[in-house]
Amino acid sequence: MVNRHNKSGMKNRRFFFFLMIPVLFCILAGVVMLLWNAILPDVLQVRALTYWQAFGLLILSRILLGGFRFGGKKGGTPYGGPPRHIRERWMRMSEEEKSKFKEAWRKRCEEKKS
């Protein structure tokens, strides 16, 4: 079967995707500004932020904290389970080895509780 996918449609999607990133970032800066101005001046007695200050704060937080990740690390997923080499090792274990491993961890956990 011949793939009749329109290549110009893919280009339009890519353009749309790359256009949406800055738009979403600008919207997120507005959300940061609104949340800051709604909560922090009353709670911590700080000044209200302008839009561009919120935008700069968002960029600074990205630089310092490394947030806004759109995917996992190459070695494993940041919050989605163990790294690949651990998963592969687990998959190579027999059922008997897996049950021994689980039992050893149960004992370790019980020792920590007592």
PDB file of N, CA and C in Angstrom:
ATOM      1  N   MET A   1       0.841  -1.173   0.000  1.00  0.00           N
ATOM      2  CA  MET A   1       0.000   0.000   0.000  1.00  0.00           C
ATOM      3  C   MET A   1       0.891   1.242   0.000  1.00  0.00           C
ATOM      4  N   VAL A   2       0.547   2.209  -0.788  1.00  0.00           N
ATOM      5  CA  VAL A   2       1.335   3.426  -0.922  1.00  0.00           C
ATOM      6  C   VAL A   2       0.923   4.419   0.145  1.00  0.00           C
ATOM      7  N   ASN A   3       1.924   5.020   0.785  1.00  0.00           N
ATOM      8  CA  ASN A   3       1.654   6.038   1.781  1.00  0.00           C
ATOM      9  C   ASN A   3       1.392   7.353   1.072  1.00  0.00           C
ATOM     10  N   ARG A   4       0.197   7.847   1.178  1.00  0.00           N
ATOM     11  CA  ARG A   4      -0.176   9.082   0.488  1.00  0.00           C
ATOM     12  C   ARG A   4      -0.243  10.247   1.458  1.00  0.00           C
ATOM     13  N   HIS A   5       0.661  10.245   2.403  1.00  0.00           N
ATOM     14  CA  HIS A   5       0.687  11.311   3.404  1.00  0.00           C
ATOM     15  C   HIS A   5       1.188  12.591   2.769  1.00  0.00           C
ATOM     16  N   ASN A   6       0.499  13.651   3.018  1.00  0.00           N
ATOM     17  CA  ASN A   6       0.844  14.945   2.449  1.00  0.00           C
ATOM     18  C   ASN A   6       2.023  15.544   3.214  1.00  0.00           C
ATOM     19  N   LYS A   7       3.153  15.767   2.522  1.00  0.00           N
ATOM     20  CA  LYS A   7       4.337  16.305   3.182  1.00  0.00           C
ATOM     21  C   LYS A   7       4.127  17.747   3.614  1.00  0.00           C
ATOM     22  N   SER A   8       3.338  18.495   2.892  1.00  0.00           N
ATOM     23  CA  SER A   8       3.089  19.873   3.311  1.00  0.00           C
ATOM     24  C   SER A   8       2.277  19.903   4.603  1.00  0.00           C
ATOM     25  N   GLY A   9       1.462  18.895   4.836  1.00  0.00           N
ATOM     26  CA  GLY A   9       0.723  18.800   6.095  1.00  0.00           C
ATOM     27  C   GLY A   9       1.660  18.603   7.274  1.00  0.00           C
ATOM     28  N   MET A  10       2.722  17.824   7.083  1.00  0.00           N
ATOM     29  CA  MET A  10       3.715  17.632   8.143  1.00  0.00           C
ATOM     30  C   MET A  10       4.452  18.933   8.418  1.00  0.00           C
ATOM     31  N   LYS A  11       4.764  19.688   7.383  1.00  0.00           N
ATOM     32  CA  LYS A  11       5.444  20.967   7.572  1.00  0.00           C
ATOM     33  C   LYS A  11       4.553  21.936   8.327  1.00  0.00           C
ATOM     34  N   ASN A  12       3.257  21.917   8.020  1.00  0.00           N
ATOM     35  CA  ASN A  12       2.322  22.787   8.733  1.00  0.00           C
ATOM     36  C   ASN A  12       2.242  22.409  10.204  1.00  0.00           C
ATOM     37  N   ARG A  13       2.266  21.118  10.506  1.00  0.00           N
ATOM     38  CA  ARG A  13       2.221  20.674  11.897  1.00  0.00           C
ATOM     39  C   ARG A  13       3.479  21.102  12.650  1.00  0.00           C
ATOM     40  N   ARG A  14       4.626  20.952  12.013  1.00  0.00           N
ATOM     41  CA  ARG A  14       5.880  21.361  12.658  1.00  0.00           C
ATOM     42  C   ARG A  14       5.873  22.859  12.916  1.00  0.00           C
ATOM     43  N   PHE A  15       5.430  23.627  11.926  1.00  0.00           N
ATOM     44  CA  PHE A  15       5.371  25.075  12.091  1.00  0.00           C
ATOM     45  C   PHE A  15       4.436  25.432  13.236  1.00  0.00           C
ATOM     46  N   PHE A  16       3.292  24.777  13.293  1.00  0.00           N
ATOM     47  CA  PHE A  16       2.322  25.014  14.354  1.00  0.00           C
ATOM     48  C   PHE A  16       2.924  24.664  15.717  1.00  0.00           C
ATOM     49  N   PHE A  17       3.643  23.540  15.792  1.00  0.00           N
ATOM     50  CA  PHE A  17       4.253  23.115  17.043  1.00  0.00           C
ATOM     51  C   PHE A  17       5.285  24.137  17.515  1.00  0.00           C
ATOM     52  N   PHE A  18       6.148  24.574  16.607  1.00  0.00           N
ATOM     53  CA  PHE A  18       7.183  25.537  16.988  1.00  0.00           C
ATOM     54  C   PHE A  18       6.603  26.914  17.276  1.00  0.00           C
ATOM     55  N   LEU A  19       5.467  27.221  16.716  1.00  0.00           N
ATOM     56  CA  LEU A  19       4.790  28.475  17.027  1.00  0.00           C
ATOM     57  C   LEU A  19       4.116  28.396  18.395  1.00  0.00           C
ATOM     58  N   MET A  20       3.635  27.220  18.759  1.00  0.00           N
ATOM     59  CA  MET A  20       2.914  27.072  20.016  1.00  0.00           C
ATOM     60  C   MET A  20       3.833  27.131  21.243  1.00  0.00           C
ATOM     61  N   ILE A  21       5.092  26.747  21.106  1.00  0.00           N
ATOM     62  CA  ILE A  21       6.005  26.768  22.252  1.00  0.00           C
ATOM     63  C   ILE A  21       6.149  28.173  22.819  1.00  0.00           C
ATOM     64  N   PRO A  22       6.487  29.198  22.016  1.00  0.00           N
ATOM     65  CA  PRO A  22       6.573  30.545  22.591  1.00  0.00           C
ATOM     66  C   PRO A  22       5.224  31.075  23.085  1.00  0.00           C
ATOM     67  N   VAL A  23       4.153  30.714  22.402  1.00  0.00           N
ATOM     68  CA  VAL A  23       2.827  31.161  22.832  1.00  0.00           C
ATOM     69  C   VAL A  23       2.496  30.575  24.208  1.00  0.00           C
ATOM     70  N   LEU A  24       2.749  29.289  24.386  1.00  0.00           N
ATOM     71  CA  LEU A  24       2.493  28.652  25.678  1.00  0.00           C
ATOM     72  C   LEU A  24       3.397  29.226  26.770  1.00  0.00           C
ATOM     73  N   PHE A  25       4.639  29.543  26.411  1.00  0.00           N
ATOM     74  CA  PHE A  25       5.558  30.134  27.376  1.00  0.00           C
ATOM     75  C   PHE A  25       5.056  31.502  27.812  1.00  0.00           C
ATOM     76  N   CYS A  26       4.525  32.292  26.873  1.00  0.00           N
ATOM     77  CA  CYS A  26       3.981  33.612  27.211  1.00  0.00           C
ATOM     78  C   CYS A  26       2.736  33.488  28.093  1.00  0.00           C
ATOM     79  N   ILE A  27       1.907  32.512  27.794  1.00  0.00           N
ATOM     80  CA  ILE A  27       0.725  32.278  28.633  1.00  0.00           C
ATOM     81  C   ILE A  27       1.152  31.852  30.032  1.00  0.00           C
ATOM     82  N   LEU A  28       2.158  30.990  30.109  1.00  0.00           N
ATOM     83  CA  LEU A  28       2.652  30.545  31.404  1.00  0.00           C
ATOM     84  C   LEU A  28       3.224  31.712  32.212  1.00  0.00           C
ATOM     85  N   ALA A  29       3.895  32.649  31.537  1.00  0.00           N
ATOM     86  CA  ALA A  29       4.404  33.837  32.230  1.00  0.00           C
ATOM     87  C   ALA A  29       3.243  34.652  32.803  1.00  0.00           C
ATOM     88  N   GLY A  30       2.154  34.747  32.067  1.00  0.00           N
ATOM     89  CA  GLY A  30       0.971  35.441  32.573  1.00  0.00           C
ATOM     90  C   GLY A  30       0.375  34.749  33.790  1.00  0.00           C
ATOM     91  N   VAL A  31       0.369  33.435  33.775  1.00  0.00           N
ATOM     92  CA  VAL A  31      -0.141  32.674  34.911  1.00  0.00           C
ATOM     93  C   VAL A  31       0.748  32.897  36.134  1.00  0.00           C
ATOM     94  N   VAL A  32       2.080  32.886  35.927  1.00  0.00           N
ATOM     95  CA  VAL A  32       3.008  33.152  37.031  1.00  0.00           C
ATOM     96  C   VAL A  32       2.739  34.537  37.614  1.00  0.00           C
ATOM     97  N   MET A  33       2.562  35.536  36.749  1.00  0.00           N
ATOM     98  CA  MET A  33       2.305  36.895  37.214  1.00  0.00           C
ATOM     99  C   MET A  33       1.012  36.951  38.033  1.00  0.00           C
ATOM    100  N   LEU A  34      -0.049  36.348  37.511  1.00  0.00           N
ATOM    101  CA  LEU A  34      -1.326  36.378  38.217  1.00  0.00           C
ATOM    102  C   LEU A  34      -1.258  35.680  39.563  1.00  0.00           C
ATOM    103  N   LEU A  35      -0.619  34.521  39.608  1.00  0.00           N
ATOM    104  CA  LEU A  35      -0.507  33.797  40.870  1.00  0.00           C
ATOM    105  C   LEU A  35       0.354  34.561  41.871  1.00  0.00           C
ATOM    106  N   TRP A  36       1.465  35.102  41.408  1.00  0.00           N
ATOM    107  CA  TRP A  36       2.345  35.885  42.281  1.00  0.00           C
ATOM    108  C   TRP A  36       1.576  37.065  42.876  1.00  0.00           C
ATOM    109  N   ASN A  37       0.922  37.817  41.998  1.00  0.00           N
ATOM    110  CA  ASN A  37       0.229  39.022  42.447  1.00  0.00           C
ATOM    111  C   ASN A  37      -1.000  38.718  43.300  1.00  0.00           C
ATOM    112  N   ALA A  38      -1.586  37.548  43.133  1.00  0.00           N
ATOM    113  CA  ALA A  38      -2.759  37.193  43.922  1.00  0.00           C
ATOM    114  C   ALA A  38      -2.399  36.668  45.305  1.00  0.00           C
ATOM    115  N   ILE A  39      -1.219  36.054  45.433  1.00  0.00           N
ATOM    116  CA  ILE A  39      -0.897  35.383  46.684  1.00  0.00           C
ATOM    117  C   ILE A  39       0.210  36.073  47.477  1.00  0.00           C
ATOM    118  N   LEU A  40       1.352  36.283  46.864  1.00  0.00           N
ATOM    119  CA  LEU A  40       2.542  36.681  47.612  1.00  0.00           C
ATOM    120  C   LEU A  40       2.529  38.084  48.207  1.00  0.00           C
ATOM    121  N   PRO A  41       1.964  39.110  47.568  1.00  0.00           N
ATOM    122  CA  PRO A  41       1.980  40.420  48.237  1.00  0.00           C
ATOM    123  C   PRO A  41       1.270  40.419  49.589  1.00  0.00           C
ATOM    124  N   ASP A  42       0.192  39.685  49.707  1.00  0.00           N
ATOM    125  CA  ASP A  42      -0.526  39.624  50.985  1.00  0.00           C
ATOM    126  C   ASP A  42       0.169  38.729  52.003  1.00  0.00           C
ATOM    127  N   VAL A  43       0.753  37.638  51.537  1.00  0.00           N
ATOM    128  CA  VAL A  43       1.346  36.667  52.453  1.00  0.00           C
ATOM    129  C   VAL A  43       2.743  37.084  52.900  1.00  0.00           C
ATOM    130  N   LEU A  44       3.580  37.505  51.943  1.00  0.00           N
ATOM    131  CA  LEU A  44       4.979  37.792  52.261  1.00  0.00           C
ATOM    132  C   LEU A  44       5.339  39.275  52.181  1.00  0.00           C
ATOM    133  N   GLN A  45       4.392  40.127  51.915  1.00  0.00           N
ATOM    134  CA  GLN A  45       4.615  41.568  51.789  1.00  0.00           C
ATOM    135  C   GLN A  45       5.712  41.880  50.762  1.00  0.00           C
ATOM    136  N   VAL A  46       5.600  41.281  49.580  1.00  0.00           N
ATOM    137  CA  VAL A  46       6.503  41.583  48.475  1.00  0.00           C
ATOM    138  C   VAL A  46       5.744  42.406  47.444  1.00  0.00           C
ATOM    139  N   ARG A  47       6.488  43.069  46.564  1.00  0.00           N
ATOM    140  CA  ARG A  47       5.852  43.877  45.529  1.00  0.00           C
ATOM    141  C   ARG A  47       5.215  42.995  44.459  1.00  0.00           C
ATOM    142  N   ALA A  48       4.243  43.549  43.781  1.00  0.00           N
ATOM    143  CA  ALA A  48       3.611  42.847  42.671  1.00  0.00           C
ATOM    144  C   ALA A  48       4.576  42.818  41.482  1.00  0.00           C
ATOM    145  N   LEU A  49       4.412  41.818  40.630  1.00  0.00           N
ATOM    146  CA  LEU A  49       5.260  41.664  39.448  1.00  0.00           C
ATOM    147  C   LEU A  49       4.568  42.227  38.218  1.00  0.00           C
ATOM    148  N   THR A  50       5.382  42.762  37.309  1.00  0.00           N
ATOM    149  CA  THR A  50       4.870  43.083  35.982  1.00  0.00           C
ATOM    150  C   THR A  50       4.945  41.820  35.134  1.00  0.00           C
ATOM    151  N   TYR A  51       4.346  41.878  33.953  1.00  0.00           N
ATOM    152  CA  TYR A  51       4.378  40.718  33.059  1.00  0.00           C
ATOM    153  C   TYR A  51       5.810  40.343  32.702  1.00  0.00           C
ATOM    154  N   TRP A  52       6.638  41.336  32.379  1.00  0.00           N
ATOM    155  CA  TRP A  52       8.004  41.045  31.933  1.00  0.00           C
ATOM    156  C   TRP A  52       8.868  40.557  33.082  1.00  0.00           C
ATOM    157  N   GLN A  53       8.597  40.974  34.291  1.00  0.00           N
ATOM    158  CA  GLN A  53       9.311  40.439  35.447  1.00  0.00           C
ATOM    159  C   GLN A  53       8.944  38.971  35.659  1.00  0.00           C
ATOM    160  N   ALA A  54       7.672  38.656  35.481  1.00  0.00           N
ATOM    161  CA  ALA A  54       7.236  37.266  35.597  1.00  0.00           C
ATOM    162  C   ALA A  54       7.861  36.412  34.497  1.00  0.00           C
ATOM    163  N   PHE A  55       7.965  36.973  33.301  1.00  0.00           N
ATOM    164  CA  PHE A  55       8.591  36.276  32.178  1.00  0.00           C
ATOM    165  C   PHE A  55      10.056  35.993  32.509  1.00  0.00           C
ATOM    166  N   GLY A  56      10.759  37.004  33.023  1.00  0.00           N
ATOM    167  CA  GLY A  56      12.149  36.820  33.412  1.00  0.00           C
ATOM    168  C   GLY A  56      12.315  35.824  34.546  1.00  0.00           C
ATOM    169  N   LEU A  57      11.405  35.854  35.498  1.00  0.00           N
ATOM    170  CA  LEU A  57      11.445  34.907  36.606  1.00  0.00           C
ATOM    171  C   LEU A  57      11.250  33.481  36.110  1.00  0.00           C
ATOM    172  N   LEU A  58      10.376  33.315  35.141  1.00  0.00           N
ATOM    173  CA  LEU A  58      10.141  32.004  34.556  1.00  0.00           C
ATOM    174  C   LEU A  58      11.394  31.494  33.850  1.00  0.00           C
ATOM    175  N   ILE A  59      12.049  32.356  33.090  1.00  0.00           N
ATOM    176  CA  ILE A  59      13.282  31.961  32.405  1.00  0.00           C
ATOM    177  C   ILE A  59      14.374  31.652  33.428  1.00  0.00           C
ATOM    178  N   LEU A  60      14.501  32.494  34.454  1.00  0.00           N
ATOM    179  CA  LEU A  60      15.504  32.270  35.480  1.00  0.00           C
ATOM    180  C   LEU A  60      15.279  30.942  36.201  1.00  0.00           C
ATOM    181  N   SER A  61      14.029  30.630  36.503  1.00  0.00           N
ATOM    182  CA  SER A  61      13.736  29.356  37.164  1.00  0.00           C
ATOM    183  C   SER A  61      14.090  28.188  36.255  1.00  0.00           C
ATOM    184  N   ARG A  62      13.887  28.349  34.974  1.00  0.00           N
ATOM    185  CA  ARG A  62      14.256  27.305  34.012  1.00  0.00           C
ATOM    186  C   ARG A  62      15.764  27.095  34.002  1.00  0.00           C
ATOM    187  N   ILE A  63      16.507  28.184  34.024  1.00  0.00           N
ATOM    188  CA  ILE A  63      17.963  28.077  33.999  1.00  0.00           C
ATOM    189  C   ILE A  63      18.489  27.459  35.292  1.00  0.00           C
ATOM    190  N   LEU A  64      17.993  27.933  36.418  1.00  0.00           N
ATOM    191  CA  LEU A  64      18.522  27.485  37.699  1.00  0.00           C
ATOM    192  C   LEU A  64      18.035  26.105  38.122  1.00  0.00           C
ATOM    193  N   LEU A  65      16.800  25.801  37.838  1.00  0.00           N
ATOM    194  CA  LEU A  65      16.219  24.553  38.320  1.00  0.00           C
ATOM    195  C   LEU A  65      16.083  23.477  37.256  1.00  0.00           C
ATOM    196  N   GLY A  66      16.230  23.847  35.992  1.00  0.00           N
ATOM    197  CA  GLY A  66      16.155  22.856  34.927  1.00  0.00           C
ATOM    198  C   GLY A  66      14.776  22.267  34.739  1.00  0.00           C
ATOM    199  N   GLY A  67      13.737  23.056  34.929  1.00  0.00           N
ATOM    200  CA  GLY A  67      12.373  22.562  34.772  1.00  0.00           C
ATOM    201  C   GLY A  67      11.935  22.528  33.323  1.00  0.00           C
ATOM    202  N   PHE A  68      10.661  22.328  33.098  1.00  0.00           N
ATOM    203  CA  PHE A  68      10.026  22.310  31.781  1.00  0.00           C
ATOM    204  C   PHE A  68      10.571  21.200  30.895  1.00  0.00           C
ATOM    205  N   ARG A  69      10.823  20.052  31.443  1.00  0.00           N
ATOM    206  CA  ARG A  69      11.341  18.952  30.635  1.00  0.00           C
ATOM    207  C   ARG A  69      10.198  18.350  29.838  1.00  0.00           C
ATOM    208  N   PHE A  70      10.486  18.061  28.571  1.00  0.00           N
ATOM    209  CA  PHE A  70       9.479  17.471  27.697  1.00  0.00           C
ATOM    210  C   PHE A  70       9.872  16.061  27.310  1.00  0.00           C
ATOM    211  N   GLY A  71      10.368  15.290  28.240  1.00  0.00           N
ATOM    212  CA  GLY A  71      10.759  13.920  27.950  1.00  0.00           C
ATOM    213  C   GLY A  71      11.725  13.427  28.994  1.00  0.00           C
ATOM    214  N   GLY A  72      11.978  12.149  28.958  1.00  0.00           N
ATOM    215  CA  GLY A  72      12.847  11.568  29.955  1.00  0.00           C
ATOM    216  C   GLY A  72      14.316  11.700  29.597  1.00  0.00           C
ATOM    217  N   LYS A  73      15.149  11.366  30.569  1.00  0.00           N
ATOM    218  CA  LYS A  73      16.575  11.323  30.320  1.00  0.00           C
ATOM    219  C   LYS A  73      16.871  10.089  29.499  1.00  0.00           C
ATOM    220  N   LYS A  74      18.007  10.081  28.841  1.00  0.00           N
ATOM    221  CA  LYS A  74      18.335   8.954  27.977  1.00  0.00           C
ATOM    222  C   LYS A  74      18.573   7.674  28.765  1.00  0.00           C
ATOM    223  N   GLY A  75      19.104   7.773  29.972  1.00  0.00           N
ATOM    224  CA  GLY A  75      19.398   6.584  30.768  1.00  0.00           C
ATOM    225  C   GLY A  75      18.175   5.981  31.424  1.00  0.00           C
ATOM    226  N   GLY A  76      17.124   6.724  31.563  1.00  0.00           N
ATOM    227  CA  GLY A  76      15.928   6.239  32.232  1.00  0.00           C
ATOM    228  C   GLY A  76      14.927   7.366  32.316  1.00  0.00           C
ATOM    229  N   THR A  77      13.813   7.092  32.890  1.00  0.00           N
ATOM    230  CA  THR A  77      12.803   8.129  32.995  1.00  0.00           C
ATOM    231  C   THR A  77      12.944   8.825  34.329  1.00  0.00           C
ATOM    232  N   PRO A  78      12.800  10.148  34.372  1.00  0.00           N
ATOM    233  CA  PRO A  78      13.033  10.858  35.618  1.00  0.00           C
ATOM    234  C   PRO A  78      12.073  10.474  36.732  1.00  0.00           C
ATOM    235  N   TYR A  79      10.802  10.247  36.421  1.00  0.00           N
ATOM    236  CA  TYR A  79       9.831   9.919  37.466  1.00  0.00           C
ATOM    237  C   TYR A  79       8.991   8.715  37.091  1.00  0.00           C
ATOM    238  N   GLY A  80       9.388   7.995  36.075  1.00  0.00           N
ATOM    239  CA  GLY A  80       8.548   6.916  35.591  1.00  0.00           C
ATOM    240  C   GLY A  80       9.098   5.532  35.831  1.00  0.00           C
ATOM    241  N   GLY A  81       9.897   5.348  36.843  1.00  0.00           N
ATOM    242  CA  GLY A  81      10.396   4.020  37.134  1.00  0.00           C
ATOM    243  C   GLY A  81      11.908   3.949  37.087  1.00  0.00           C
ATOM    244  N   PRO A  82      12.427   2.736  37.197  1.00  0.00           N
ATOM    245  CA  PRO A  82      13.875   2.565  37.257  1.00  0.00           C
ATOM    246  C   PRO A  82      14.531   2.793  35.893  1.00  0.00           C
ATOM    247  N   PRO A  83      15.833   3.055  35.892  1.00  0.00           N
ATOM    248  CA  PRO A  83      16.549   3.225  34.624  1.00  0.00           C
ATOM    249  C   PRO A  83      16.519   1.948  33.796  1.00  0.00           C
ATOM    250  N   ARG A  84      16.843   2.090  32.547  1.00  0.00           N
ATOM    251  CA  ARG A  84      16.745   0.983  31.592  1.00  0.00           C
ATOM    252  C   ARG A  84      17.588  -0.216  32.014  1.00  0.00           C
ATOM    253  N   HIS A  85      18.828   0.012  32.469  1.00  0.00           N
ATOM    254  CA  HIS A  85      19.687  -1.128  32.809  1.00  0.00           C
ATOM    255  C   HIS A  85      19.121  -1.936  33.979  1.00  0.00           C
ATOM    256  N   ILE A  86      18.439  -1.283  34.894  1.00  0.00           N
ATOM    257  CA  ILE A  86      17.805  -2.001  36.011  1.00  0.00           C
ATOM    258  C   ILE A  86      16.630  -2.822  35.500  1.00  0.00           C
ATOM    259  N   ARG A  87      15.811  -2.215  34.633  1.00  0.00           N
ATOM    260  CA  ARG A  87      14.666  -2.953  34.062  1.00  0.00           C
ATOM    261  C   ARG A  87      15.136  -4.166  33.279  1.00  0.00           C
ATOM    262  N   GLU A  88      16.204  -3.996  32.481  1.00  0.00           N
ATOM    263  CA  GLU A  88      16.705  -5.117  31.683  1.00  0.00           C
ATOM    264  C   GLU A  88      17.232  -6.231  32.573  1.00  0.00           C
ATOM    265  N   ARG A  89      17.905  -5.858  33.654  1.00  0.00           N
ATOM    266  CA  ARG A  89      18.410  -6.852  34.591  1.00  0.00           C
ATOM    267  C   ARG A  89      17.260  -7.624  35.236  1.00  0.00           C
ATOM    268  N   TRP A  90      16.194  -6.898  35.592  1.00  0.00           N
ATOM    269  CA  TRP A  90      15.021  -7.532  36.193  1.00  0.00           C
ATOM    270  C   TRP A  90      14.369  -8.498  35.210  1.00  0.00           C
ATOM    271  N   MET A  91      14.310  -8.103  33.944  1.00  0.00           N
ATOM    272  CA  MET A  91      13.663  -8.960  32.944  1.00  0.00           C
ATOM    273  C   MET A  91      14.471 -10.236  32.678  1.00  0.00           C
ATOM    274  N   ARG A  92      15.777 -10.179  32.891  1.00  0.00           N
ATOM    275  CA  ARG A  92      16.610 -11.372  32.681  1.00  0.00           C
ATOM    276  C   ARG A  92      16.559 -12.335  33.863  1.00  0.00           C
ATOM    277  N   MET A  93      16.030 -11.900  35.006  1.00  0.00           N
ATOM    278  CA  MET A  93      15.964 -12.769  36.188  1.00  0.00           C
ATOM    279  C   MET A  93      14.895 -13.840  36.013  1.00  0.00           C
ATOM    280  N   SER A  94      15.174 -15.006  36.600  1.00  0.00           N
ATOM    281  CA  SER A  94      14.156 -16.060  36.612  1.00  0.00           C
ATOM    282  C   SER A  94      13.147 -15.728  37.709  1.00  0.00           C
ATOM    283  N   GLU A  95      12.036 -16.449  37.720  1.00  0.00           N
ATOM    284  CA  GLU A  95      11.005 -16.211  38.737  1.00  0.00           C
ATOM    285  C   GLU A  95      11.553 -16.484  40.137  1.00  0.00           C
ATOM    286  N   GLU A  96      12.405 -17.481  40.260  1.00  0.00           N
ATOM    287  CA  GLU A  96      12.992 -17.803  41.560  1.00  0.00           C
ATOM    288  C   GLU A  96      13.905 -16.661  42.032  1.00  0.00           C
ATOM    289  N   GLU A  97      14.714 -16.114  41.131  1.00  0.00           N
ATOM    290  CA  GLU A  97      15.591 -15.002  41.484  1.00  0.00           C
ATOM    291  C   GLU A  97      14.781 -13.762  41.876  1.00  0.00           C
ATOM    292  N   LYS A  98      13.691 -13.532  41.154  1.00  0.00           N
ATOM    293  CA  LYS A  98      12.833 -12.393  41.481  1.00  0.00           C
ATOM    294  C   LYS A  98      12.221 -12.543  42.869  1.00  0.00           C
ATOM    295  N   SER A  99      11.751 -13.746  43.212  1.00  0.00           N
ATOM    296  CA  SER A  99      11.134 -13.942  44.526  1.00  0.00           C
ATOM    297  C   SER A  99      12.179 -13.804  45.640  1.00  0.00           C
ATOM    298  N   LYS A 100      13.411 -14.288  45.422  1.00  0.00           N
ATOM    299  CA  LYS A 100      14.474 -14.108  46.418  1.00  0.00           C
ATOM    300  C   LYS A 100      14.788 -12.627  46.599  1.00  0.00           C
ATOM    301  N   PHE A 101      14.862 -11.905  45.507  1.00  0.00           N
ATOM    302  CA  PHE A 101      15.150 -10.467  45.560  1.00  0.00           C
ATOM    303  C   PHE A 101      14.063  -9.724  46.336  1.00  0.00           C
ATOM    304  N   LYS A 102      12.801 -10.041  46.039  1.00  0.00           N
ATOM    305  CA  LYS A 102      11.683  -9.405  46.744  1.00  0.00           C
ATOM    306  C   LYS A 102      11.717  -9.707  48.236  1.00  0.00           C
ATOM    307  N   GLU A 103      12.023 -10.950  48.583  1.00  0.00           N
ATOM    308  CA  GLU A 103      12.081 -11.339  49.988  1.00  0.00           C
ATOM    309  C   GLU A 103      13.213 -10.616  50.718  1.00  0.00           C
ATOM    310  N   ALA A 104      14.350 -10.465  50.057  1.00  0.00           N
ATOM    311  CA  ALA A 104      15.470  -9.745  50.673  1.00  0.00           C
ATOM    312  C   ALA A 104      15.087  -8.289  50.937  1.00  0.00           C
ATOM    313  N   TRP A 105      14.372  -7.672  50.016  1.00  0.00           N
ATOM    314  CA  TRP A 105      13.945  -6.276  50.224  1.00  0.00           C
ATOM    315  C   TRP A 105      12.890  -6.177  51.317  1.00  0.00           C
ATOM    316  N   ARG A 106      12.011  -7.162  51.419  1.00  0.00           N
ATOM    317  CA  ARG A 106      11.028  -7.156  52.510  1.00  0.00           C
ATOM    318  C   ARG A 106      11.731  -7.192  53.865  1.00  0.00           C
ATOM    319  N   LYS A 107      12.756  -8.044  53.968  1.00  0.00           N
ATOM    320  CA  LYS A 107      13.507  -8.133  55.219  1.00  0.00           C
ATOM    321  C   LYS A 107      14.193  -6.817  55.542  1.00  0.00           C
ATOM    322  N   ARG A 108      14.788  -6.175  54.557  1.00  0.00           N
ATOM    323  CA  ARG A 108      15.445  -4.880  54.767  1.00  0.00           C
ATOM    324  C   ARG A 108      14.457  -3.831  55.259  1.00  0.00           C
ATOM    325  N   CYS A 109      13.285  -3.810  54.657  1.00  0.00           N
ATOM    326  CA  CYS A 109      12.273  -2.829  55.051  1.00  0.00           C
ATOM    327  C   CYS A 109      11.772  -3.086  56.469  1.00  0.00           C
ATOM    328  N   GLU A 110      11.596  -4.349  56.835  1.00  0.00           N
ATOM    329  CA  GLU A 110      11.145  -4.683  58.182  1.00  0.00           C
ATOM    330  C   GLU A 110      12.188  -4.319  59.214  1.00  0.00           C
ATOM    331  N   GLU A 111      13.478  -4.486  58.877  1.00  0.00           N
ATOM    332  CA  GLU A 111      14.559  -4.116  59.802  1.00  0.00           C
ATOM    333  C   GLU A 111      14.558  -2.612  60.059  1.00  0.00           C
ATOM    334  N   LYS A 112      14.278  -1.823  59.046  1.00  0.00           N
ATOM    335  CA  LYS A 112      14.270  -0.368  59.191  1.00  0.00           C
ATOM    336  C   LYS A 112      13.085   0.097  60.052  1.00  0.00           C
ATOM    337  N   LYS A 113      11.966  -0.627  59.976  1.00  0.00           N
ATOM    338  CA  LYS A 113      10.780  -0.253  60.750  1.00  0.00           C
ATOM    339  C   LYS A 113      11.003  -0.490  62.244  1.00  0.00           C
ATOM    340  N   SER A 114      11.759  -1.543  62.586  1.00  0.00           N
ATOM    341  CA  SER A 114      11.933  -1.857  64.010  1.00  0.00           C
ATOM    342  C   SER A 114      13.051  -1.092  64.665  1.00  0.00           C
TER     343      SER A 114
END
